[in-house]
Amino acid sequence: MTNACTDLDDLNKYEGIITDEGITQNTSSTSKGPRTSDVFFLRLDGLDQMLATYNKEQSYYELDSRLNVGDKVKVYFKSSPYSDAPNLSTYQIEKDGQVVLRQDEFKGKEMTGGIIATFDLP
């Protein structure tokens, strides 16, 4: 599990155009075995990461309605070596100078969800 008090200045930052977005499934390891959950993801032009976020209520309407293919966004994240797996270390997403996903939402999901774990990779 990552540090819930991460400073945005210590993270990777990327600004680009959304080329794909939506909901996909992510499998993580838990103490009770593998667990599959829906996560919201986006891909940016020129970035070899599938940025993603988990919501324990599995409700992604707000993100899905505010983030669209062709939108320019700025993201703060920790890089993952797996370009085709959801990178759940996405801390903040900004669009048009407005924060769409805040770091404190990430911290809340990190502390209560415990879903940031090992991915079931091919």
C-alpha atoms as a PDB file:
ATOM      1  CA  MET A   1       0.000   0.000   0.000  1.00  0.00           C
ATOM      2  CA  THR A   2       1.282   3.455  -0.806  1.00  0.00           C
ATOM      3  CA  ASN A   3       1.653   6.422   1.533  1.00  0.00           C
ATOM      4  CA  ALA A   4      -1.685   8.237   1.926  1.00  0.00           C
ATOM      5  CA  CYS A   5       0.096  11.572   2.473  1.00  0.00           C
ATOM      6  CA  THR A   6       1.890  11.704  -0.874  1.00  0.00           C
ATOM      7  CA  ASP A   7       2.817  15.200  -2.044  1.00  0.00           C
ATOM      8  CA  LEU A   8       1.666  15.829  -5.616  1.00  0.00           C
ATOM      9  CA  ASP A   9       5.110  17.300  -6.361  1.00  0.00           C
ATOM     10  CA  ASP A  10       6.612  13.851  -5.709  1.00  0.00           C
ATOM     11  CA  LEU A  11       4.414  12.148  -8.331  1.00  0.00           C
ATOM     12  CA  ASN A  12       4.644  11.771 -12.086  1.00  0.00           C
ATOM     13  CA  LYS A  13       2.675  14.510 -13.834  1.00  0.00           C
ATOM     14  CA  TYR A  14       1.396  14.338 -17.408  1.00  0.00           C
ATOM     15  CA  GLU A  15      -0.804  16.597 -19.492  1.00  0.00           C
ATOM     16  CA  GLY A  16      -2.433  15.187 -22.599  1.00  0.00           C
ATOM     17  CA  ILE A  17      -5.510  14.359 -24.638  1.00  0.00           C
ATOM     18  CA  ILE A  18      -7.783  11.470 -23.599  1.00  0.00           C
ATOM     19  CA  THR A  19      -7.720   8.793 -26.309  1.00  0.00           C
ATOM     20  CA  ASP A  20      -9.844   6.201 -24.479  1.00  0.00           C
ATOM     21  CA  GLU A  21     -11.912   6.144 -21.293  1.00  0.00           C
ATOM     22  CA  GLY A  22     -14.515   3.973 -19.644  1.00  0.00           C
ATOM     23  CA  ILE A  23     -15.021   1.188 -17.160  1.00  0.00           C
ATOM     24  CA  THR A  24     -13.011  -2.030 -17.110  1.00  0.00           C
ATOM     25  CA  GLN A  25     -12.490  -4.871 -14.675  1.00  0.00           C
ATOM     26  CA  ASN A  26      -9.508  -5.238 -12.378  1.00  0.00           C
ATOM     27  CA  THR A  27      -8.576  -8.346 -10.431  1.00  0.00           C
ATOM     28  CA  SER A  28      -6.720  -7.842  -7.172  1.00  0.00           C
ATOM     29  CA  SER A  29      -5.433 -10.171  -4.479  1.00  0.00           C
ATOM     30  CA  THR A  30      -7.069  -9.997  -1.066  1.00  0.00           C
ATOM     31  CA  SER A  31      -6.773 -12.073   2.088  1.00  0.00           C
ATOM     32  CA  LYS A  32      -9.918 -13.908   0.917  1.00  0.00           C
ATOM     33  CA  GLY A  33      -8.520 -14.636  -2.551  1.00  0.00           C
ATOM     34  CA  PRO A  34      -8.865 -12.887  -5.916  1.00  0.00           C
ATOM     35  CA  ARG A  35     -11.469 -10.138  -6.201  1.00  0.00           C
ATOM     36  CA  THR A  36     -12.715  -8.572  -9.426  1.00  0.00           C
ATOM     37  CA  SER A  37     -14.048  -5.012  -9.350  1.00  0.00           C
ATOM     38  CA  ASP A  38     -15.006  -2.386 -11.887  1.00  0.00           C
ATOM     39  CA  VAL A  39     -12.604   0.555 -12.190  1.00  0.00           C
ATOM     40  CA  PHE A  40     -12.793   3.750 -14.237  1.00  0.00           C
ATOM     41  CA  PHE A  41      -9.841   4.120 -16.619  1.00  0.00           C
ATOM     42  CA  LEU A  42      -8.432   6.568 -19.114  1.00  0.00           C
ATOM     43  CA  ARG A  43      -5.586   6.566 -21.588  1.00  0.00           C
ATOM     44  CA  LEU A  44      -3.761   9.693 -22.735  1.00  0.00           C
ATOM     45  CA  ASP A  45      -2.059  10.323 -26.054  1.00  0.00           C
ATOM     46  CA  GLY A  46       1.673   9.674 -25.656  1.00  0.00           C
ATOM     47  CA  LEU A  47       1.433   8.065 -22.190  1.00  0.00           C
ATOM     48  CA  ASP A  48       2.034   4.322 -21.919  1.00  0.00           C
ATOM     49  CA  GLN A  49      -0.192   3.838 -18.849  1.00  0.00           C
ATOM     50  CA  MET A  50      -3.823   2.848 -18.305  1.00  0.00           C
ATOM     51  CA  LEU A  51      -4.647   5.286 -15.486  1.00  0.00           C
ATOM     52  CA  ALA A  52      -7.485   4.073 -13.282  1.00  0.00           C
ATOM     53  CA  THR A  53      -9.405   4.728 -10.107  1.00  0.00           C
ATOM     54  CA  TYR A  54     -11.499   2.498  -7.860  1.00  0.00           C
ATOM     55  CA  ASN A  55     -14.725   3.522  -6.135  1.00  0.00           C
ATOM     56  CA  LYS A  56     -16.041   1.102  -3.494  1.00  0.00           C
ATOM     57  CA  GLU A  57     -19.631   1.954  -4.477  1.00  0.00           C
ATOM     58  CA  GLN A  58     -18.728   1.047  -8.090  1.00  0.00           C
ATOM     59  CA  SER A  59     -20.297   4.330  -9.227  1.00  0.00           C
ATOM     60  CA  TYR A  60     -18.403   6.121 -11.978  1.00  0.00           C
ATOM     61  CA  TYR A  61     -21.146   8.307 -13.474  1.00  0.00           C
ATOM     62  CA  GLU A  62     -19.535  11.623 -12.483  1.00  0.00           C
ATOM     63  CA  LEU A  63     -16.111  10.716 -13.881  1.00  0.00           C
ATOM     64  CA  ASP A  64     -17.594   9.142 -16.997  1.00  0.00           C
ATOM     65  CA  SER A  65     -19.724  12.213 -17.695  1.00  0.00           C
ATOM     66  CA  ARG A  66     -16.939  14.757 -17.036  1.00  0.00           C
ATOM     67  CA  LEU A  67     -14.064  13.040 -18.855  1.00  0.00           C
ATOM     68  CA  ASN A  68     -14.428  12.355 -22.576  1.00  0.00           C
ATOM     69  CA  VAL A  69     -12.252  11.292 -25.497  1.00  0.00           C
ATOM     70  CA  GLY A  70     -10.626  14.444 -26.883  1.00  0.00           C
ATOM     71  CA  ASP A  71     -10.530  16.291 -23.532  1.00  0.00           C
ATOM     72  CA  LYS A  72      -7.185  17.704 -22.383  1.00  0.00           C
ATOM     73  CA  VAL A  73      -6.368  16.723 -18.792  1.00  0.00           C
ATOM     74  CA  LYS A  74      -3.500  16.829 -16.326  1.00  0.00           C
ATOM     75  CA  VAL A  75      -2.915  13.741 -14.197  1.00  0.00           C
ATOM     76  CA  TYR A  76      -0.766  12.999 -11.141  1.00  0.00           C
ATOM     77  CA  PHE A  77       0.175   9.346 -10.711  1.00  0.00           C
ATOM     78  CA  LYS A  78       2.870   6.839  -9.785  1.00  0.00           C
ATOM     79  CA  SER A  79       4.171   4.988 -12.836  1.00  0.00           C
ATOM     80  CA  SER A  80       3.440   1.316 -13.268  1.00  0.00           C
ATOM     81  CA  PRO A  81       5.606  -1.106 -15.252  1.00  0.00           C
ATOM     82  CA  TYR A  82       2.411  -2.670 -16.679  1.00  0.00           C
ATOM     83  CA  SER A  83       1.048  -0.558 -19.529  1.00  0.00           C
ATOM     84  CA  ASP A  84      -2.014  -2.756 -20.174  1.00  0.00           C
ATOM     85  CA  ALA A  85      -3.149  -3.183 -16.554  1.00  0.00           C
ATOM     86  CA  PRO A  86      -5.151  -0.536 -14.673  1.00  0.00           C
ATOM     87  CA  ASN A  87      -2.766   1.726 -12.748  1.00  0.00           C
ATOM     88  CA  LEU A  88      -4.705   2.471  -9.570  1.00  0.00           C
ATOM     89  CA  SER A  89      -2.011   4.838  -8.318  1.00  0.00           C
ATOM     90  CA  THR A  90      -3.780   7.752  -9.998  1.00  0.00           C
ATOM     91  CA  TYR A  91      -3.896  10.494  -7.374  1.00  0.00           C
ATOM     92  CA  GLN A  92      -5.433  13.498  -9.113  1.00  0.00           C
ATOM     93  CA  ILE A  93      -7.049  14.398 -12.453  1.00  0.00           C
ATOM     94  CA  GLU A  94      -7.581  18.016 -13.558  1.00  0.00           C
ATOM     95  CA  LYS A  95      -9.557  19.305 -16.537  1.00  0.00           C
ATOM     96  CA  ASP A  96      -9.863  22.982 -17.562  1.00  0.00           C
ATOM     97  CA  GLY A  97      -8.180  24.012 -14.295  1.00  0.00           C
ATOM     98  CA  GLN A  98     -10.790  22.110 -12.239  1.00  0.00           C
ATOM     99  CA  VAL A  99      -9.999  19.054 -10.118  1.00  0.00           C
ATOM    100  CA  VAL A 100     -12.105  16.106 -11.296  1.00  0.00           C
ATOM    101  CA  LEU A 101     -10.522  13.484  -9.015  1.00  0.00           C
ATOM    102  CA  ARG A 102      -8.913  14.839  -5.837  1.00  0.00           C
ATOM    103  CA  GLN A 103      -6.005  13.372  -3.924  1.00  0.00           C
ATOM    104  CA  ASP A 104      -8.146  13.109  -0.762  1.00  0.00           C
ATOM    105  CA  GLU A 105     -10.619  10.906  -2.679  1.00  0.00           C
ATOM    106  CA  PHE A 106      -7.672   8.680  -3.561  1.00  0.00           C
ATOM    107  CA  LYS A 107      -6.535   8.612   0.069  1.00  0.00           C
ATOM    108  CA  GLY A 108     -10.041   7.652   1.219  1.00  0.00           C
ATOM    109  CA  LYS A 109     -10.262   4.841  -1.298  1.00  0.00           C
ATOM    110  CA  GLU A 110      -6.738   3.725  -0.432  1.00  0.00           C
ATOM    111  CA  MET A 111      -7.455   3.505   3.280  1.00  0.00           C
ATOM    112  CA  THR A 112     -10.928   1.929   3.091  1.00  0.00           C
ATOM    113  CA  GLY A 113     -10.817  -0.009  -0.154  1.00  0.00           C
ATOM    114  CA  GLY A 114      -7.456  -1.691   0.202  1.00  0.00           C
ATOM    115  CA  ILE A 115      -7.839  -2.550  -3.449  1.00  0.00           C
ATOM    116  CA  ILE A 116      -4.417  -1.324  -4.571  1.00  0.00           C
ATOM    117  CA  ALA A 117      -2.789  -4.691  -4.895  1.00  0.00           C
ATOM    118  CA  THR A 118      -1.387  -7.206  -7.315  1.00  0.00           C
ATOM    119  CA  PHE A 119      -2.996  -7.415 -10.738  1.00  0.00           C
ATOM    120  CA  ASP A 120      -3.906 -10.644 -12.480  1.00  0.00           C
ATOM    121  CA  LEU A 121      -1.758 -10.180 -15.584  1.00  0.00           C
ATOM    122  CA  PRO A 122      -1.678 -12.408 -18.660  1.00  0.00           C
END
